[in-house]
């Protein structure tokens, strides 16, 4: 028995729809790799990391805490993730502000290119972490 042209067309459409549904279901079931999960988690806690750094919490203490909390990143990964997150947020026009005084927090000197900091003392670099509300350094 021969199928009509409309039956063949309908059958092909059903097969295509099933394939599409299988693909969509499969894609929805995929999970990101561990590094992608690290990046997502890091992005969510980035504002608190910036605040901790602005309070002059040493990077080694931040890294130790992150490791103890299950986010194991090396110092190099941490620096790269901080720089990438800062650039992304700057492009999006986001600013991290101090919760107590409301001033805009700048990314600290340890994440800036060294040539921008030549001639500045360590204390001057640290003082430029948190801007006052009128834009001048503290």
N, C-alpha and C. Protein backbone atom coordinates (compact mmCIF):
# COMPACT_ATOMS: atom_id res chain seq x y z
N UNK A 1 0.84 -1.17 0.00
CA UNK A 1 0.00 0.00 0.00
C UNK A 1 0.89 1.24 0.00
N UNK A 2 0.61 2.15 -0.88
CA UNK A 2 1.38 3.37 -1.02
C UNK A 2 0.80 4.49 -0.17
N UNK A 3 1.73 5.24 0.42
CA UNK A 3 1.28 6.39 1.21
C UNK A 3 1.09 7.58 0.29
N UNK A 4 0.16 8.40 0.64
CA UNK A 4 -0.07 9.60 -0.16
C UNK A 4 1.03 10.62 0.14
N UNK A 5 1.14 11.55 -0.73
CA UNK A 5 2.15 12.59 -0.59
C UNK A 5 1.95 13.36 0.72
N UNK A 6 0.74 13.66 1.08
CA UNK A 6 0.47 14.40 2.33
C UNK A 6 0.83 13.56 3.56
N UNK A 7 0.62 12.24 3.48
CA UNK A 7 1.00 11.36 4.60
C UNK A 7 2.51 11.33 4.77
N UNK A 8 3.24 11.27 3.66
CA UNK A 8 4.71 11.27 3.73
C UNK A 8 5.22 12.59 4.32
N UNK A 9 4.62 13.67 3.87
CA UNK A 9 5.01 14.99 4.36
C UNK A 9 4.73 15.10 5.86
N UNK A 10 3.59 14.61 6.29
CA UNK A 10 3.23 14.63 7.70
C UNK A 10 4.18 13.77 8.53
N UNK A 11 4.54 12.61 8.00
CA UNK A 11 5.46 11.71 8.70
C UNK A 11 6.84 12.34 8.85
N UNK A 12 7.32 12.96 7.79
CA UNK A 12 8.62 13.65 7.85
C UNK A 12 8.58 14.79 8.87
N UNK A 13 7.49 15.50 8.90
CA UNK A 13 7.34 16.60 9.85
C UNK A 13 7.36 16.07 11.29
N UNK A 14 6.69 14.95 11.53
CA UNK A 14 6.68 14.34 12.86
C UNK A 14 8.08 13.89 13.27
N UNK A 15 8.82 13.30 12.31
CA UNK A 15 10.19 12.86 12.60
C UNK A 15 11.07 14.07 12.92
N UNK A 16 10.92 15.14 12.13
CA UNK A 16 11.70 16.35 12.37
C UNK A 16 11.36 16.95 13.74
N UNK A 17 10.09 17.01 14.09
CA UNK A 17 9.68 17.54 15.39
C UNK A 17 10.24 16.70 16.53
N UNK A 18 10.24 15.37 16.36
CA UNK A 18 10.79 14.49 17.39
C UNK A 18 12.29 14.74 17.56
N UNK A 19 12.99 14.90 16.44
CA UNK A 19 14.43 15.17 16.51
C UNK A 19 14.69 16.51 17.20
N UNK A 20 13.91 17.50 16.86
CA UNK A 20 14.06 18.81 17.50
C UNK A 20 13.80 18.70 19.00
N UNK A 21 12.73 18.02 19.38
CA UNK A 21 12.42 17.87 20.80
C UNK A 21 13.53 17.10 21.52
N UNK A 22 14.05 16.05 20.89
CA UNK A 22 15.16 15.29 21.49
C UNK A 22 16.40 16.16 21.66
N UNK A 23 16.71 16.97 20.65
CA UNK A 23 17.86 17.88 20.75
C UNK A 23 17.67 18.91 21.86
N UNK A 24 16.49 19.50 21.91
CA UNK A 24 16.20 20.50 22.96
C UNK A 24 16.30 19.89 24.35
N UNK A 25 15.73 18.70 24.51
CA UNK A 25 15.79 18.01 25.80
C UNK A 25 17.24 17.70 26.18
N UNK A 26 18.00 17.23 25.19
CA UNK A 26 19.41 16.92 25.43
C UNK A 26 20.22 18.14 25.82
N UNK A 27 19.99 19.24 25.12
CA UNK A 27 20.71 20.48 25.45
C UNK A 27 20.34 20.99 26.84
N UNK A 28 19.08 20.87 27.20
CA UNK A 28 18.65 21.30 28.53
C UNK A 28 19.26 20.46 29.64
N UNK A 29 19.60 19.22 29.34
CA UNK A 29 20.18 18.33 30.35
C UNK A 29 21.69 18.46 30.49
N UNK A 30 22.34 19.21 29.58
CA UNK A 30 23.78 19.39 29.67
C UNK A 30 24.13 20.27 30.87
N UNK A 31 25.25 19.98 31.51
CA UNK A 31 25.72 20.80 32.63
C UNK A 31 27.06 21.41 32.26
N UNK A 32 27.33 22.62 32.77
CA UNK A 32 28.61 23.25 32.46
C UNK A 32 29.76 22.50 33.12
N UNK A 33 30.96 22.67 32.55
CA UNK A 33 32.12 22.04 33.17
C UNK A 33 32.48 22.78 34.46
N UNK A 34 33.40 22.23 35.21
CA UNK A 34 33.70 22.79 36.53
C UNK A 34 34.28 24.20 36.43
N UNK A 35 35.06 24.49 35.39
CA UNK A 35 35.62 25.84 35.28
C UNK A 35 34.53 26.86 35.01
N UNK A 36 33.57 26.51 34.17
CA UNK A 36 32.44 27.42 33.91
C UNK A 36 31.63 27.66 35.18
N UNK A 37 31.47 26.63 35.99
CA UNK A 37 30.77 26.78 37.26
C UNK A 37 31.55 27.71 38.18
N UNK A 38 32.89 27.59 38.17
CA UNK A 38 33.73 28.49 38.98
C UNK A 38 33.52 29.94 38.56
N UNK A 39 33.50 30.18 37.25
CA UNK A 39 33.34 31.54 36.74
C UNK A 39 31.99 32.11 37.15
N UNK A 40 30.95 31.32 37.04
CA UNK A 40 29.61 31.77 37.42
C UNK A 40 29.55 32.10 38.91
N UNK A 41 30.09 31.23 39.73
CA UNK A 41 30.11 31.47 41.17
C UNK A 41 30.95 32.69 41.51
N UNK A 42 32.11 32.80 40.87
CA UNK A 42 33.00 33.94 41.12
C UNK A 42 32.30 35.26 40.78
N UNK A 43 31.57 35.28 39.66
CA UNK A 43 30.86 36.50 39.26
C UNK A 43 29.82 36.90 40.30
N UNK A 44 29.19 35.92 40.93
CA UNK A 44 28.17 36.22 41.93
C UNK A 44 28.77 36.79 43.21
N UNK A 45 29.98 36.37 43.56
CA UNK A 45 30.59 36.85 44.81
C UNK A 45 31.59 37.99 44.58
N UNK A 46 31.78 38.38 43.34
CA UNK A 46 32.74 39.43 42.99
C UNK A 46 32.57 40.71 43.82
N UNK A 47 31.36 41.24 43.98
CA UNK A 47 31.24 42.48 44.77
C UNK A 47 31.78 42.34 46.20
N UNK A 48 31.54 41.20 46.83
CA UNK A 48 32.05 41.00 48.18
C UNK A 48 33.57 40.85 48.20
N UNK A 49 34.12 40.27 47.14
CA UNK A 49 35.58 40.16 47.05
C UNK A 49 36.18 41.55 46.93
N UNK A 50 35.60 42.40 46.08
CA UNK A 50 36.10 43.77 45.93
C UNK A 50 36.01 44.51 47.26
N UNK A 51 34.91 44.33 47.98
CA UNK A 51 34.78 44.99 49.28
C UNK A 51 35.84 44.49 50.26
N UNK A 52 36.10 43.19 50.27
CA UNK A 52 37.13 42.65 51.16
C UNK A 52 38.49 43.23 50.81
N UNK A 53 38.79 43.32 49.53
CA UNK A 53 40.08 43.88 49.11
C UNK A 53 40.15 45.36 49.48
N UNK A 54 39.05 46.08 49.35
CA UNK A 54 39.05 47.50 49.70
C UNK A 54 39.26 47.70 51.20
N UNK A 55 38.92 46.67 51.99
CA UNK A 55 39.20 46.72 53.43
C UNK A 55 40.62 46.24 53.73
N UNK A 56 41.39 46.01 52.66
CA UNK A 56 42.80 45.60 52.74
C UNK A 56 42.98 44.19 53.29
N UNK A 57 41.99 43.33 53.06
CA UNK A 57 42.13 41.91 53.40
C UNK A 57 43.13 41.34 52.40
N UNK A 58 44.20 40.70 52.88
CA UNK A 58 45.20 40.16 51.96
C UNK A 58 44.61 39.11 51.02
N UNK A 59 45.10 39.12 49.80
CA UNK A 59 44.62 38.18 48.79
C UNK A 59 44.79 36.74 49.26
N UNK A 60 45.87 36.46 49.96
CA UNK A 60 46.12 35.09 50.44
C UNK A 60 45.02 34.62 51.38
N UNK A 61 44.49 35.53 52.19
CA UNK A 61 43.38 35.18 53.09
C UNK A 61 42.09 34.94 52.31
N UNK A 62 41.87 35.75 51.28
CA UNK A 62 40.68 35.58 50.45
C UNK A 62 40.75 34.23 49.75
N UNK A 63 41.92 33.92 49.17
CA UNK A 63 42.09 32.63 48.48
C UNK A 63 41.90 31.46 49.43
N UNK A 64 42.45 31.57 50.65
CA UNK A 64 42.30 30.50 51.63
C UNK A 64 40.84 30.30 52.00
N UNK A 65 40.12 31.40 52.17
CA UNK A 65 38.70 31.28 52.51
C UNK A 65 37.92 30.65 51.35
N UNK A 66 38.18 31.12 50.13
CA UNK A 66 37.48 30.57 48.97
C UNK A 66 37.72 29.07 48.85
N UNK A 67 38.96 28.64 49.08
CA UNK A 67 39.28 27.21 49.03
C UNK A 67 38.50 26.44 50.08
N UNK A 68 38.46 26.99 51.30
CA UNK A 68 37.75 26.30 52.38
C UNK A 68 36.24 26.23 52.11
N UNK A 69 35.74 27.18 51.31
CA UNK A 69 34.32 27.20 50.98
C UNK A 69 34.01 26.41 49.71
N UNK A 70 35.04 25.80 49.12
CA UNK A 70 34.82 24.95 47.95
C UNK A 70 35.11 25.57 46.61
N UNK A 71 35.56 26.81 46.58
CA UNK A 71 35.91 27.46 45.32
C UNK A 71 37.43 27.52 45.23
N UNK A 72 38.01 26.48 44.68
CA UNK A 72 39.46 26.34 44.64
C UNK A 72 40.01 27.00 43.38
N UNK A 73 40.58 28.20 43.52
CA UNK A 73 41.22 28.91 42.40
C UNK A 73 42.64 29.26 42.79
N UNK A 74 43.52 29.19 41.82
CA UNK A 74 44.92 29.57 42.06
C UNK A 74 45.01 31.09 42.08
N UNK A 75 46.13 31.59 42.52
CA UNK A 75 46.35 33.03 42.55
C UNK A 75 46.28 33.61 41.14
N UNK A 76 46.84 32.91 40.17
CA UNK A 76 46.81 33.36 38.79
C UNK A 76 45.38 33.36 38.24
N UNK A 77 44.63 32.31 38.53
CA UNK A 77 43.22 32.25 38.09
C UNK A 77 42.43 33.38 38.75
N UNK A 78 42.67 33.61 40.03
CA UNK A 78 41.98 34.67 40.77
C UNK A 78 42.22 36.02 40.10
N UNK A 79 43.49 36.33 39.81
CA UNK A 79 43.82 37.61 39.17
C UNK A 79 43.13 37.73 37.81
N UNK A 80 43.18 36.65 37.03
CA UNK A 80 42.57 36.68 35.70
C UNK A 80 41.05 36.85 35.80
N UNK A 81 40.43 36.16 36.75
CA UNK A 81 38.98 36.26 36.92
C UNK A 81 38.59 37.65 37.42
N UNK A 82 39.39 38.23 38.31
CA UNK A 82 39.12 39.58 38.80
C UNK A 82 39.19 40.57 37.65
N UNK A 83 40.23 40.47 36.83
CA UNK A 83 40.40 41.39 35.71
C UNK A 83 39.27 41.23 34.70
N UNK A 84 38.92 40.00 34.36
CA UNK A 84 37.85 39.76 33.39
C UNK A 84 36.51 40.27 33.92
N UNK A 85 36.23 40.02 35.18
CA UNK A 85 34.96 40.46 35.77
C UNK A 85 34.90 41.98 35.83
N UNK A 86 36.02 42.63 36.18
CA UNK A 86 36.06 44.09 36.22
C UNK A 86 35.79 44.65 34.84
N UNK A 87 36.44 44.10 33.81
CA UNK A 87 36.25 44.60 32.45
C UNK A 87 34.80 44.42 32.00
N UNK A 88 34.22 43.27 32.27
CA UNK A 88 32.84 43.01 31.89
C UNK A 88 31.89 43.98 32.57
N UNK A 89 32.09 44.18 33.86
CA UNK A 89 31.20 45.08 34.61
C UNK A 89 31.39 46.53 34.18
N UNK A 90 32.63 46.91 33.85
CA UNK A 90 32.88 48.27 33.35
C UNK A 90 32.17 48.48 32.03
N UNK A 91 32.25 47.49 31.14
CA UNK A 91 31.55 47.58 29.85
C UNK A 91 30.04 47.71 30.04
N UNK A 92 29.52 47.05 31.07
CA UNK A 92 28.08 47.10 31.35
C UNK A 92 27.68 48.32 32.17
N UNK A 93 28.66 49.15 32.54
CA UNK A 93 28.38 50.36 33.31
C UNK A 93 28.10 50.11 34.78
N UNK A 94 28.49 48.94 35.29
CA UNK A 94 28.25 48.62 36.70
C UNK A 94 29.39 49.15 37.57
N UNK A 95 29.04 49.55 38.78
CA UNK A 95 30.03 49.98 39.75
C UNK A 95 29.75 49.28 41.07
N UNK A 96 30.81 48.92 41.76
CA UNK A 96 30.68 48.33 43.09
C UNK A 96 30.85 49.46 44.10
N UNK A 97 29.90 49.60 45.01
CA UNK A 97 29.95 50.68 45.99
C UNK A 97 30.08 50.12 47.40
N UNK A 98 30.74 50.89 48.26
CA UNK A 98 30.88 50.54 49.66
C UNK A 98 29.50 50.52 50.31
N UNK A 99 29.19 49.45 51.05
CA UNK A 99 27.88 49.34 51.68
C UNK A 99 27.67 50.37 52.78
N UNK A 100 28.74 50.75 53.48
CA UNK A 100 28.57 51.67 54.60
C UNK A 100 28.54 53.14 54.18
N UNK A 101 29.41 53.55 53.22
CA UNK A 101 29.46 54.97 52.87
C UNK A 101 28.93 55.26 51.47
N UNK A 102 28.74 54.23 50.65
CA UNK A 102 28.19 54.42 49.32
C UNK A 102 29.17 54.87 48.26
N UNK A 103 30.45 55.00 48.60
CA UNK A 103 31.42 55.44 47.60
C UNK A 103 31.75 54.31 46.63
N UNK A 104 32.11 54.71 45.42
CA UNK A 104 32.47 53.73 44.39
C UNK A 104 33.82 53.11 44.73
N UNK A 105 33.87 51.80 44.70
CA UNK A 105 35.13 51.11 44.96
C UNK A 105 35.82 50.83 43.63
N UNK A 106 37.09 51.18 43.58
CA UNK A 106 37.87 50.86 42.39
C UNK A 106 38.62 49.57 42.65
N UNK A 107 38.92 48.85 41.57
CA UNK A 107 39.70 47.64 41.72
C UNK A 107 41.09 48.03 42.19
N UNK A 108 41.61 47.34 43.18
CA UNK A 108 42.88 47.72 43.77
C UNK A 108 44.07 47.57 42.83
N UNK A 109 45.15 48.17 43.28
CA UNK A 109 46.37 48.24 42.51
C UNK A 109 46.91 46.88 42.08
N UNK A 110 46.66 45.82 42.84
CA UNK A 110 47.25 44.54 42.50
C UNK A 110 46.68 43.96 41.21
N UNK A 111 45.58 44.52 40.71
CA UNK A 111 44.98 44.01 39.48
C UNK A 111 45.14 44.98 38.32
N UNK A 112 45.90 46.05 38.51
CA UNK A 112 46.11 47.02 37.46
C UNK A 112 47.45 46.75 36.78
N UNK A 113 47.58 47.09 35.51
CA UNK A 113 48.87 46.92 34.84
C UNK A 113 49.96 47.71 35.56
N UNK A 114 51.13 47.11 35.71
CA UNK A 114 52.20 47.72 36.49
C UNK A 114 52.64 49.07 35.94
N UNK A 115 52.62 49.25 34.61
CA UNK A 115 53.09 50.51 34.05
C UNK A 115 52.22 51.69 34.47
N UNK A 116 50.98 51.47 34.83
CA UNK A 116 50.13 52.56 35.30
C UNK A 116 50.49 53.00 36.72
N UNK A 117 51.21 52.16 37.43
CA UNK A 117 51.49 52.42 38.83
C UNK A 117 52.93 52.86 39.09
N UNK A 118 53.74 52.95 38.05
CA UNK A 118 55.12 53.33 38.24
C UNK A 118 55.19 54.71 38.89
N UNK A 119 56.07 54.84 39.85
CA UNK A 119 56.25 56.11 40.53
C UNK A 119 55.29 56.34 41.69
N UNK A 120 54.35 55.43 41.90
CA UNK A 120 53.41 55.59 43.01
C UNK A 120 53.87 54.74 44.18
N UNK A 121 53.78 55.30 45.38
CA UNK A 121 54.14 54.52 46.56
C UNK A 121 53.05 53.50 46.85
N UNK A 122 53.39 52.51 47.65
CA UNK A 122 52.42 51.48 48.03
C UNK A 122 51.20 52.11 48.71
N UNK A 123 51.43 53.08 49.62
CA UNK A 123 50.32 53.72 50.34
C UNK A 123 49.43 54.52 49.39
N UNK A 124 50.03 55.19 48.41
CA UNK A 124 49.24 55.96 47.45
C UNK A 124 48.36 55.03 46.64
N UNK A 125 48.91 53.88 46.25
CA UNK A 125 48.13 52.91 45.49
C UNK A 125 46.94 52.43 46.31
N UNK A 126 47.16 52.11 47.58
CA UNK A 126 46.08 51.63 48.44
C UNK A 126 45.03 52.71 48.67
N UNK A 127 45.46 53.97 48.78
CA UNK A 127 44.51 55.05 49.01
C UNK A 127 43.58 55.26 47.82
N UNK A 128 43.98 54.83 46.64
CA UNK A 128 43.16 55.03 45.47
C UNK A 128 42.16 53.90 45.24
N UNK A 129 42.08 52.96 46.15
CA UNK A 129 41.13 51.85 46.01
C UNK A 129 39.69 52.36 46.10
N UNK A 130 39.41 53.18 47.07
CA UNK A 130 38.04 53.63 47.30
C UNK A 130 37.95 55.14 46.99
N UNK A 131 37.16 55.51 46.00
CA UNK A 131 36.97 56.92 45.65
C UNK A 131 35.94 57.55 46.60
N UNK A 132 36.11 58.82 46.85
CA UNK A 132 35.06 59.50 47.62
C UNK A 132 33.89 59.82 46.69
N UNK A 133 32.80 60.25 47.24
CA UNK A 133 31.60 60.50 46.43
C UNK A 133 31.81 61.57 45.38
N UNK A 134 32.69 62.53 45.66
CA UNK A 134 32.91 63.60 44.68
C UNK A 134 33.99 63.25 43.66
N UNK A 135 34.52 62.01 43.72
CA UNK A 135 35.47 61.56 42.70
C UNK A 135 36.93 61.72 43.08
N UNK A 136 37.24 62.37 44.19
CA UNK A 136 38.65 62.49 44.56
C UNK A 136 39.05 61.33 45.46
N UNK A 137 40.34 61.01 45.47
CA UNK A 137 40.83 59.89 46.28
C UNK A 137 40.77 60.26 47.74
N UNK A 138 40.59 59.26 48.58
CA UNK A 138 40.56 59.48 50.03
C UNK A 138 41.89 59.93 50.54
